[in-house]
Amino acid sequence: MQIREAEIADLSDVLAVEASAFGTEEGPEIVELVSGLLKDPTAMPVLSLLATDGGEAVGHILFTRAQLEKPHSAIKAAMLAPLAVVPHAQGKGVGGSLIREGLKRLAAADIELVFVLGHPGYYPRHGFATAAALGFAAPYPIPEQNTEAWMVQALQPGVIERSGGRVQCADTLNQPQHWIE
């Protein structure tokens, strides 16, 4: 498996991975979200990684710009949304590899925090912890029964202890329907 930065010419592969991974019910909404984020100036800079296996696109991960409200707005943060793996490649480490590679590249770019709204049984295996318990509020309220789905990972030492507050995300992602887990 190869992981590389997605290029403009890869857009159809990226969107096909998203559609396949999320199926007919959620796929169209996720394809629209990714298309919007890739064009949204408030999402920049983005890190878009594509996983291929034998020339076939099998996974995609997108990180977009995020920030904390004042007084912690100088903290450099990113939002992981979405992570997608085509059904026949799920359970084979593609998602984990995309997460690790993305976090490595973000850390090298001096990003300090990465947030995700995702499956609480999956992301903690990759170093994420419940964000609300650490003092970080999602852009929209998360229902109490789903608070563990709002997670954060520090990429720089000590950043969690010196920050907190509400997270602000790109305009495209800043819609209430994207914050229901």
N, C-alpha and C. Protein backbone atom coordinates (compact mmCIF):
# COMPACT_ATOMS: atom_id res chain seq x y z
N MET A 1 0.84 -1.18 0.00
CA MET A 1 0.00 0.00 0.00
C MET A 1 0.88 1.24 0.00
N GLN A 2 0.46 2.22 -0.77
CA GLN A 2 1.15 3.50 -0.86
C GLN A 2 0.25 4.60 -0.29
N ILE A 3 0.84 5.56 0.41
CA ILE A 3 0.10 6.73 0.89
C ILE A 3 0.83 7.95 0.37
N ARG A 4 0.05 8.84 -0.25
CA ARG A 4 0.65 10.06 -0.78
C ARG A 4 -0.37 11.19 -0.70
N GLU A 5 0.13 12.41 -0.86
CA GLU A 5 -0.79 13.54 -0.88
C GLU A 5 -1.65 13.47 -2.13
N ALA A 6 -2.93 13.68 -1.93
CA ALA A 6 -3.85 13.69 -3.07
C ALA A 6 -3.65 14.97 -3.85
N GLU A 7 -3.72 14.85 -5.15
CA GLU A 7 -3.56 15.99 -6.05
C GLU A 7 -4.91 16.30 -6.71
N ILE A 8 -4.98 17.42 -7.39
CA ILE A 8 -6.21 17.82 -8.07
C ILE A 8 -6.68 16.72 -9.01
N ALA A 9 -5.75 16.08 -9.70
CA ALA A 9 -6.10 15.01 -10.65
C ALA A 9 -6.69 13.78 -9.96
N ASP A 10 -6.53 13.69 -8.63
CA ASP A 10 -7.05 12.55 -7.87
C ASP A 10 -8.47 12.76 -7.36
N LEU A 11 -9.08 13.91 -7.66
CA LEU A 11 -10.37 14.23 -7.06
C LEU A 11 -11.42 13.16 -7.32
N SER A 12 -11.50 12.63 -8.51
CA SER A 12 -12.52 11.61 -8.77
C SER A 12 -12.26 10.35 -7.94
N ASP A 13 -10.99 9.96 -7.77
CA ASP A 13 -10.67 8.81 -6.92
C ASP A 13 -11.02 9.08 -5.46
N VAL A 14 -10.70 10.27 -4.99
CA VAL A 14 -11.00 10.66 -3.61
C VAL A 14 -12.51 10.56 -3.36
N LEU A 15 -13.28 11.16 -4.25
CA LEU A 15 -14.73 11.17 -4.07
C LEU A 15 -15.33 9.77 -4.22
N ALA A 16 -14.74 8.95 -5.08
CA ALA A 16 -15.21 7.57 -5.23
C ALA A 16 -14.96 6.77 -3.95
N VAL A 17 -13.80 6.98 -3.31
CA VAL A 17 -13.51 6.31 -2.04
C VAL A 17 -14.52 6.74 -0.99
N GLU A 18 -14.78 8.03 -0.90
CA GLU A 18 -15.75 8.54 0.09
C GLU A 18 -17.13 7.94 -0.15
N ALA A 19 -17.58 7.94 -1.39
CA ALA A 19 -18.91 7.40 -1.72
C ALA A 19 -18.99 5.91 -1.38
N SER A 20 -17.97 5.16 -1.74
CA SER A 20 -17.97 3.72 -1.48
C SER A 20 -17.93 3.43 0.01
N ALA A 21 -17.08 4.14 0.73
CA ALA A 21 -16.92 3.90 2.17
C ALA A 21 -18.18 4.21 2.96
N PHE A 22 -18.87 5.27 2.59
CA PHE A 22 -20.02 5.70 3.38
C PHE A 22 -21.36 5.21 2.83
N GLY A 23 -21.35 4.56 1.67
CA GLY A 23 -22.55 3.93 1.14
C GLY A 23 -23.59 4.89 0.59
N THR A 24 -24.69 4.32 0.17
CA THR A 24 -25.71 5.12 -0.53
C THR A 24 -26.45 6.07 0.40
N GLU A 25 -26.50 5.76 1.70
CA GLU A 25 -27.23 6.63 2.62
C GLU A 25 -26.42 7.87 2.98
N GLU A 26 -25.19 7.69 3.47
CA GLU A 26 -24.36 8.82 3.91
C GLU A 26 -23.39 9.31 2.83
N GLY A 27 -23.08 8.46 1.87
CA GLY A 27 -22.08 8.79 0.86
C GLY A 27 -22.28 10.11 0.15
N PRO A 28 -23.48 10.40 -0.38
CA PRO A 28 -23.66 11.68 -1.09
C PRO A 28 -23.36 12.90 -0.21
N GLU A 29 -23.77 12.85 1.05
CA GLU A 29 -23.49 13.97 1.95
C GLU A 29 -21.99 14.12 2.21
N ILE A 30 -21.30 13.00 2.38
CA ILE A 30 -19.86 13.05 2.64
C ILE A 30 -19.11 13.52 1.40
N VAL A 31 -19.52 13.08 0.22
CA VAL A 31 -18.90 13.55 -1.03
C VAL A 31 -19.07 15.07 -1.15
N GLU A 32 -20.26 15.56 -0.84
CA GLU A 32 -20.51 17.00 -0.88
C GLU A 32 -19.65 17.73 0.15
N LEU A 33 -19.52 17.17 1.34
CA LEU A 33 -18.68 17.76 2.39
C LEU A 33 -17.23 17.86 1.94
N VAL A 34 -16.68 16.77 1.44
CA VAL A 34 -15.27 16.75 1.01
C VAL A 34 -15.07 17.73 -0.15
N SER A 35 -15.96 17.72 -1.12
CA SER A 35 -15.85 18.66 -2.24
C SER A 35 -15.85 20.09 -1.74
N GLY A 36 -16.73 20.39 -0.80
CA GLY A 36 -16.79 21.73 -0.24
C GLY A 36 -15.55 22.10 0.54
N LEU A 37 -15.05 21.19 1.36
CA LEU A 37 -13.85 21.48 2.16
C LEU A 37 -12.63 21.73 1.28
N LEU A 38 -12.52 20.98 0.19
CA LEU A 38 -11.36 21.14 -0.69
C LEU A 38 -11.36 22.49 -1.41
N LYS A 39 -12.51 23.17 -1.45
CA LYS A 39 -12.61 24.49 -2.10
C LYS A 39 -12.74 25.63 -1.08
N ASP A 40 -12.92 25.31 0.17
CA ASP A 40 -13.21 26.30 1.21
C ASP A 40 -11.94 26.99 1.69
N PRO A 41 -11.81 28.32 1.47
CA PRO A 41 -10.60 29.02 1.92
C PRO A 41 -10.42 28.98 3.43
N THR A 42 -11.52 28.84 4.20
CA THR A 42 -11.38 28.78 5.66
C THR A 42 -10.87 27.42 6.13
N ALA A 43 -10.83 26.43 5.24
CA ALA A 43 -10.32 25.10 5.58
C ALA A 43 -8.81 25.00 5.36
N MET A 44 -8.25 25.97 4.68
CA MET A 44 -6.84 25.90 4.30
C MET A 44 -5.93 26.26 5.47
N PRO A 45 -4.77 25.60 5.56
CA PRO A 45 -4.28 24.59 4.64
C PRO A 45 -4.91 23.23 4.95
N VAL A 46 -5.05 22.43 3.92
CA VAL A 46 -5.58 21.08 4.09
C VAL A 46 -4.45 20.08 3.88
N LEU A 47 -4.63 18.93 4.49
CA LEU A 47 -3.77 17.78 4.21
C LEU A 47 -4.70 16.67 3.76
N SER A 48 -4.61 16.31 2.50
CA SER A 48 -5.46 15.30 1.90
C SER A 48 -4.57 14.15 1.46
N LEU A 49 -4.73 12.99 2.09
CA LEU A 49 -3.90 11.83 1.78
C LEU A 49 -4.74 10.73 1.15
N LEU A 50 -4.16 10.12 0.13
CA LEU A 50 -4.82 9.05 -0.60
C LEU A 50 -4.00 7.77 -0.44
N ALA A 51 -4.67 6.68 -0.08
CA ALA A 51 -4.02 5.37 0.00
C ALA A 51 -4.38 4.58 -1.24
N THR A 52 -3.37 3.99 -1.86
CA THR A 52 -3.61 3.15 -3.03
C THR A 52 -2.99 1.77 -2.80
N ASP A 53 -3.60 0.79 -3.44
CA ASP A 53 -3.10 -0.57 -3.37
C ASP A 53 -3.17 -1.14 -4.77
N GLY A 54 -2.02 -1.42 -5.34
CA GLY A 54 -1.98 -1.93 -6.71
C GLY A 54 -2.59 -0.96 -7.71
N GLY A 55 -2.45 0.34 -7.45
CA GLY A 55 -2.98 1.36 -8.34
C GLY A 55 -4.43 1.73 -8.08
N GLU A 56 -5.10 1.00 -7.18
CA GLU A 56 -6.49 1.28 -6.85
C GLU A 56 -6.56 2.17 -5.61
N ALA A 57 -7.35 3.22 -5.66
CA ALA A 57 -7.57 4.08 -4.49
C ALA A 57 -8.43 3.32 -3.50
N VAL A 58 -7.89 3.13 -2.26
CA VAL A 58 -8.61 2.34 -1.25
C VAL A 58 -8.92 3.12 0.02
N GLY A 59 -8.29 4.28 0.19
CA GLY A 59 -8.54 5.06 1.40
C GLY A 59 -8.21 6.52 1.21
N HIS A 60 -8.85 7.35 2.02
CA HIS A 60 -8.62 8.79 1.97
C HIS A 60 -8.83 9.37 3.37
N ILE A 61 -8.01 10.35 3.69
CA ILE A 61 -8.17 11.08 4.95
C ILE A 61 -7.97 12.55 4.65
N LEU A 62 -8.77 13.38 5.31
CA LEU A 62 -8.69 14.82 5.10
C LEU A 62 -8.55 15.51 6.45
N PHE A 63 -7.57 16.39 6.54
CA PHE A 63 -7.37 17.25 7.70
C PHE A 63 -7.53 18.68 7.22
N THR A 64 -8.32 19.47 7.94
CA THR A 64 -8.51 20.87 7.58
C THR A 64 -8.18 21.75 8.78
N ARG A 65 -8.04 23.02 8.51
CA ARG A 65 -7.67 23.99 9.54
C ARG A 65 -8.77 24.09 10.60
N ALA A 66 -8.34 24.18 11.83
CA ALA A 66 -9.23 24.44 12.96
C ALA A 66 -8.50 25.42 13.87
N GLN A 67 -9.25 26.05 14.75
CA GLN A 67 -8.61 26.92 15.73
C GLN A 67 -9.45 26.97 16.98
N LEU A 68 -8.83 27.41 18.04
CA LEU A 68 -9.52 27.58 19.31
C LEU A 68 -9.94 29.04 19.43
N GLU A 69 -11.06 29.25 20.12
CA GLU A 69 -11.48 30.62 20.39
C GLU A 69 -10.44 31.29 21.29
N LYS A 70 -10.43 32.60 21.28
CA LYS A 70 -9.52 33.34 22.16
C LYS A 70 -9.75 32.92 23.60
N PRO A 71 -8.77 32.90 24.45
CA PRO A 71 -7.42 33.41 24.31
C PRO A 71 -6.42 32.41 23.74
N HIS A 72 -6.88 31.25 23.32
CA HIS A 72 -5.96 30.20 22.84
C HIS A 72 -5.89 30.13 21.31
N SER A 73 -6.28 31.19 20.62
CA SER A 73 -6.37 31.15 19.16
C SER A 73 -5.03 31.01 18.46
N ALA A 74 -3.93 31.20 19.18
CA ALA A 74 -2.61 31.04 18.55
C ALA A 74 -2.20 29.57 18.46
N ILE A 75 -2.92 28.68 19.12
CA ILE A 75 -2.64 27.24 19.04
C ILE A 75 -2.97 26.77 17.63
N LYS A 76 -2.04 26.06 17.00
CA LYS A 76 -2.27 25.55 15.65
C LYS A 76 -2.97 24.19 15.74
N ALA A 77 -4.15 24.13 15.10
CA ALA A 77 -4.97 22.92 15.22
C ALA A 77 -5.50 22.48 13.86
N ALA A 78 -5.92 21.22 13.80
CA ALA A 78 -6.51 20.66 12.59
C ALA A 78 -7.70 19.79 12.97
N MET A 79 -8.59 19.62 12.01
CA MET A 79 -9.76 18.76 12.17
C MET A 79 -9.61 17.58 11.22
N LEU A 80 -9.77 16.37 11.73
CA LEU A 80 -9.74 15.17 10.91
C LEU A 80 -11.20 14.88 10.52
N ALA A 81 -11.49 15.02 9.26
CA ALA A 81 -12.85 14.74 8.77
C ALA A 81 -12.86 14.83 7.26
N PRO A 82 -13.21 13.77 6.62
CA PRO A 82 -13.46 12.42 7.11
C PRO A 82 -12.27 11.50 6.88
N LEU A 83 -12.41 10.30 7.41
CA LEU A 83 -11.53 9.17 7.11
C LEU A 83 -12.41 8.15 6.40
N ALA A 84 -11.96 7.67 5.25
CA ALA A 84 -12.76 6.73 4.47
C ALA A 84 -11.88 5.61 3.92
N VAL A 85 -12.40 4.39 4.01
CA VAL A 85 -11.73 3.21 3.44
C VAL A 85 -12.81 2.42 2.71
N VAL A 86 -12.51 2.05 1.47
CA VAL A 86 -13.49 1.28 0.68
C VAL A 86 -13.79 -0.03 1.42
N PRO A 87 -15.01 -0.54 1.30
CA PRO A 87 -15.42 -1.72 2.09
C PRO A 87 -14.48 -2.92 1.99
N HIS A 88 -14.01 -3.27 0.80
CA HIS A 88 -13.18 -4.48 0.69
C HIS A 88 -11.79 -4.33 1.29
N ALA A 89 -11.40 -3.09 1.65
CA ALA A 89 -10.09 -2.86 2.28
C ALA A 89 -10.20 -2.56 3.77
N GLN A 90 -11.42 -2.51 4.29
CA GLN A 90 -11.60 -2.23 5.71
C GLN A 90 -11.09 -3.40 6.55
N GLY A 91 -10.57 -3.07 7.73
CA GLY A 91 -10.05 -4.09 8.63
C GLY A 91 -8.67 -4.58 8.27
N LYS A 92 -8.02 -3.90 7.33
CA LYS A 92 -6.69 -4.31 6.88
C LYS A 92 -5.61 -3.29 7.22
N GLY A 93 -5.94 -2.32 8.09
CA GLY A 93 -4.94 -1.35 8.53
C GLY A 93 -4.81 -0.10 7.69
N VAL A 94 -5.65 0.05 6.68
CA VAL A 94 -5.56 1.23 5.81
C VAL A 94 -5.88 2.50 6.59
N GLY A 95 -6.97 2.48 7.34
CA GLY A 95 -7.36 3.66 8.11
C GLY A 95 -6.30 4.06 9.12
N GLY A 96 -5.79 3.10 9.86
CA GLY A 96 -4.74 3.37 10.84
C GLY A 96 -3.48 3.93 10.20
N SER A 97 -3.13 3.38 9.04
CA SER A 97 -1.95 3.89 8.32
C SER A 97 -2.15 5.33 7.87
N LEU A 98 -3.35 5.64 7.39
CA LEU A 98 -3.65 7.02 6.99
C LEU A 98 -3.60 7.97 8.18
N ILE A 99 -4.15 7.54 9.32
CA ILE A 99 -4.10 8.38 10.51
C ILE A 99 -2.66 8.63 10.93
N ARG A 100 -1.87 7.57 11.04
CA ARG A 100 -0.46 7.73 11.48
C ARG A 100 0.32 8.64 10.55
N GLU A 101 0.17 8.43 9.25
CA GLU A 101 0.91 9.26 8.28
C GLU A 101 0.45 10.71 8.37
N GLY A 102 -0.86 10.92 8.49
CA GLY A 102 -1.37 12.29 8.60
C GLY A 102 -0.86 12.98 9.85
N LEU A 103 -0.91 12.30 10.99
CA LEU A 103 -0.44 12.91 12.24
C LEU A 103 1.05 13.20 12.18
N LYS A 104 1.81 12.32 11.55
CA LYS A 104 3.25 12.55 11.41
C LYS A 104 3.51 13.81 10.59
N ARG A 105 2.80 13.96 9.49
CA ARG A 105 2.99 15.14 8.63
C ARG A 105 2.51 16.42 9.33
N LEU A 106 1.42 16.33 10.06
CA LEU A 106 0.92 17.50 10.77
C LEU A 106 1.89 17.92 11.88
N ALA A 107 2.42 16.96 12.61
CA ALA A 107 3.40 17.28 13.65
C ALA A 107 4.62 17.96 13.05
N ALA A 108 5.07 17.48 11.89
CA ALA A 108 6.23 18.10 11.21
C ALA A 108 5.91 19.52 10.76
N ALA A 109 4.63 19.83 10.55
CA ALA A 109 4.20 21.17 10.15
C ALA A 109 3.84 22.03 11.37
N ASP A 110 4.21 21.56 12.57
CA ASP A 110 3.99 22.29 13.83
C ASP A 110 2.54 22.42 14.25
N ILE A 111 1.66 21.55 13.74
CA ILE A 111 0.29 21.51 14.24
C ILE A 111 0.36 20.94 15.65
N GLU A 112 -0.39 21.54 16.58
CA GLU A 112 -0.31 21.15 17.98
C GLU A 112 -1.43 20.22 18.43
N LEU A 113 -2.64 20.39 17.87
CA LEU A 113 -3.80 19.60 18.26
C LEU A 113 -4.56 19.13 17.04
N VAL A 114 -5.10 17.91 17.12
CA VAL A 114 -5.97 17.39 16.06
C VAL A 114 -7.26 16.92 16.71
N PHE A 115 -8.38 17.36 16.16
CA PHE A 115 -9.71 17.02 16.67
C PHE A 115 -10.43 16.11 15.68
N VAL A 116 -11.32 15.27 16.21
CA VAL A 116 -12.14 14.41 15.37
C VAL A 116 -13.46 14.13 16.08
N LEU A 117 -14.52 14.06 15.30
CA LEU A 117 -15.79 13.54 15.78
C LEU A 117 -15.94 12.19 15.11
N GLY A 118 -15.76 11.13 15.87
CA GLY A 118 -15.75 9.82 15.26
C GLY A 118 -16.06 8.70 16.24
N HIS A 119 -15.88 7.50 15.80
CA HIS A 119 -16.23 6.32 16.59
C HIS A 119 -15.32 6.20 17.82
N PRO A 120 -15.92 6.25 19.03
CA PRO A 120 -15.10 6.18 20.25
C PRO A 120 -14.45 4.83 20.50
N GLY A 121 -14.82 3.82 19.74
CA GLY A 121 -14.15 2.53 19.84
C GLY A 121 -12.95 2.41 18.90
N TYR A 122 -12.82 3.35 17.98
CA TYR A 122 -11.76 3.28 16.97
C TYR A 122 -10.62 4.29 17.23
N TYR A 123 -10.96 5.55 17.33
CA TYR A 123 -9.93 6.58 17.38
C TYR A 123 -9.04 6.54 18.62
N PRO A 124 -9.51 6.13 19.79
CA PRO A 124 -8.59 6.02 20.93
C PRO A 124 -7.43 5.05 20.69
N ARG A 125 -7.63 4.06 19.82
CA ARG A 125 -6.54 3.14 19.47
C ARG A 125 -5.41 3.87 18.75
N HIS A 126 -5.72 5.07 18.26
CA HIS A 126 -4.73 5.86 17.52
C HIS A 126 -4.33 7.11 18.28
N GLY A 127 -4.53 7.09 19.61
CA GLY A 127 -4.03 8.16 20.46
C GLY A 127 -5.01 9.29 20.76
N PHE A 128 -6.25 9.19 20.34
CA PHE A 128 -7.23 10.23 20.62
C PHE A 128 -7.89 9.99 21.97
N ALA A 129 -8.23 11.10 22.65
CA ALA A 129 -8.90 11.05 23.94
C ALA A 129 -10.12 11.97 23.91
N THR A 130 -11.07 11.71 24.79
CA THR A 130 -12.29 12.50 24.84
C THR A 130 -11.96 13.98 25.06
N ALA A 131 -12.36 14.82 24.12
CA ALA A 131 -11.98 16.24 24.13
C ALA A 131 -12.70 17.02 25.23
N ALA A 132 -13.98 16.76 25.42
CA ALA A 132 -14.74 17.52 26.42
C ALA A 132 -14.13 17.35 27.81
N ALA A 133 -13.70 16.14 28.13
CA ALA A 133 -13.09 15.87 29.43
C ALA A 133 -11.78 16.64 29.61
N LEU A 134 -11.17 17.05 28.51
CA LEU A 134 -9.91 17.79 28.55
C LEU A 134 -10.12 19.29 28.37
N GLY A 135 -11.38 19.72 28.32
CA GLY A 135 -11.66 21.16 28.26
C GLY A 135 -11.90 21.73 26.88
N PHE A 136 -12.19 20.89 25.89
CA PHE A 136 -12.41 21.36 24.52
C PHE A 136 -13.86 21.11 24.11
N ALA A 137 -14.54 22.18 23.73
CA ALA A 137 -15.93 22.08 23.27
C ALA A 137 -15.97 21.99 21.75
N ALA A 138 -16.88 21.19 21.25
CA ALA A 138 -17.07 21.06 19.79
C ALA A 138 -17.73 22.34 19.25
N PRO A 139 -17.64 22.57 17.95
CA PRO A 139 -18.29 23.74 17.36
C PRO A 139 -19.79 23.78 17.62
N TYR A 140 -20.42 22.62 17.72
CA TYR A 140 -21.84 22.51 18.06
C TYR A 140 -21.95 21.54 19.22
N PRO A 141 -22.95 21.69 20.07
CA PRO A 141 -23.10 20.77 21.20
C PRO A 141 -23.25 19.32 20.73
N ILE A 142 -22.55 18.44 21.42
CA ILE A 142 -22.64 17.00 21.15
C ILE A 142 -23.63 16.42 22.15
N PRO A 143 -24.61 15.63 21.70
CA PRO A 143 -25.54 15.02 22.65
C PRO A 143 -24.78 14.26 23.74
N GLU A 144 -25.27 14.36 24.96
CA GLU A 144 -24.57 13.79 26.12
C GLU A 144 -24.20 12.32 25.93
N GLN A 145 -25.06 11.54 25.32
CA GLN A 145 -24.77 10.12 25.14
C GLN A 145 -23.64 9.89 24.13
N ASN A 146 -23.25 10.93 23.38
CA ASN A 146 -22.20 10.79 22.37
C ASN A 146 -20.95 11.62 22.67
N THR A 147 -20.81 12.12 23.89
CA THR A 147 -19.67 13.00 24.18
C THR A 147 -18.32 12.33 23.96
N GLU A 148 -18.26 11.01 24.10
CA GLU A 148 -16.98 10.32 23.89
C GLU A 148 -16.56 10.31 22.42
N ALA A 149 -17.47 10.64 21.51
CA ALA A 149 -17.15 10.67 20.08
C ALA A 149 -16.36 11.93 19.70
N TRP A 150 -16.39 12.97 20.53
CA TRP A 150 -15.64 14.20 20.28
C TRP A 150 -14.28 14.04 20.94
N MET A 151 -13.22 13.95 20.10
CA MET A 151 -11.89 13.59 20.60
C MET A 151 -10.80 14.54 20.12
N VAL A 152 -9.68 14.47 20.82
CA VAL A 152 -8.52 15.30 20.51
C VAL A 152 -7.25 14.48 20.71
N GLN A 153 -6.21 14.88 19.98
CA GLN A 153 -4.88 14.33 20.20
C GLN A 153 -3.88 15.48 20.15
N ALA A 154 -3.01 15.52 21.14
CA ALA A 154 -1.94 16.52 21.17
C ALA A 154 -0.76 15.99 20.36
N LEU A 155 -0.23 16.85 19.49
CA LEU A 155 0.95 16.48 18.71
C LEU A 155 2.21 17.13 19.24
N GLN A 156 2.04 18.04 20.19
CA GLN A 156 3.17 18.72 20.82
C GLN A 156 2.99 18.59 22.34
N PRO A 157 4.07 18.38 23.07
CA PRO A 157 3.94 18.19 24.51
C PRO A 157 3.41 19.44 25.23
N GLY A 158 2.56 19.21 26.23
CA GLY A 158 2.08 20.27 27.09
C GLY A 158 0.98 21.15 26.53
N VAL A 159 0.58 20.95 25.29
CA VAL A 159 -0.39 21.85 24.67
C VAL A 159 -1.78 21.72 25.29
N ILE A 160 -2.18 20.54 25.67
CA ILE A 160 -3.50 20.37 26.27
C ILE A 160 -3.58 21.10 27.61
N GLU A 161 -2.52 21.04 28.38
CA GLU A 161 -2.50 21.69 29.69
C GLU A 161 -2.54 23.22 29.59
N ARG A 162 -2.11 23.78 28.48
CA ARG A 162 -2.09 25.24 28.34
C ARG A 162 -3.15 25.78 27.38
N SER A 163 -4.15 24.96 27.05
CA SER A 163 -5.19 25.43 26.13
C SER A 163 -6.53 24.83 26.50
N GLY A 164 -7.55 25.21 25.76
CA GLY A 164 -8.90 24.71 25.97
C GLY A 164 -9.88 25.62 25.27
N GLY A 165 -11.15 25.37 25.45
CA GLY A 165 -12.19 26.22 24.88
C GLY A 165 -12.89 25.59 23.69
N ARG A 166 -13.71 26.40 23.05
CA ARG A 166 -14.49 25.95 21.89
C ARG A 166 -13.61 25.91 20.65
N VAL A 167 -13.79 24.86 19.87
CA VAL A 167 -13.06 24.69 18.62
C VAL A 167 -13.88 25.31 17.49
N GLN A 168 -13.19 26.03 16.62
CA GLN A 168 -13.81 26.59 15.43
C GLN A 168 -13.24 25.85 14.22
N CYS A 169 -14.12 25.51 13.30
CA CYS A 169 -13.70 24.75 12.12
C CYS A 169 -14.01 25.54 10.86
N ALA A 170 -13.68 24.96 9.74
CA ALA A 170 -13.94 25.58 8.44
C ALA A 170 -15.44 25.81 8.25
N ASP A 171 -15.78 26.82 7.48
CA ASP A 171 -17.18 27.17 7.25
C ASP A 171 -17.99 25.99 6.71
N THR A 172 -17.43 25.23 5.79
CA THR A 172 -18.14 24.10 5.20
C THR A 172 -18.52 23.06 6.25
N LEU A 173 -17.66 22.86 7.22
CA LEU A 173 -17.90 21.87 8.28
C LEU A 173 -18.71 22.46 9.43
N ASN A 174 -18.80 23.76 9.47
CA ASN A 174 -19.47 24.46 10.56
C ASN A 174 -20.99 24.52 10.34
N GLN A 175 -21.58 23.35 10.19
CA GLN A 175 -23.02 23.18 9.97
C GLN A 175 -23.52 22.15 10.97
N PRO A 176 -24.66 22.39 11.63
CA PRO A 176 -25.10 21.49 12.69
C PRO A 176 -25.25 20.03 12.27
N GLN A 177 -25.62 19.78 11.02
CA GLN A 177 -25.85 18.39 10.60
C GLN A 177 -24.56 17.56 10.61
N HIS A 178 -23.39 18.22 10.58
CA HIS A 178 -22.13 17.48 10.61
C HIS A 178 -21.69 17.12 12.02
N TRP A 179 -22.42 17.57 13.02
CA TRP A 179 -22.01 17.39 14.41
C TRP A 179 -22.92 16.44 15.18
N ILE A 180 -23.65 15.64 14.44
CA ILE A 180 -24.49 14.61 15.06
C ILE A 180 -23.74 13.30 14.92
N GLU A 181 -23.41 12.67 16.01
CA GLU A 181 -22.67 11.42 15.95
C GLU A 181 -23.54 10.29 16.41
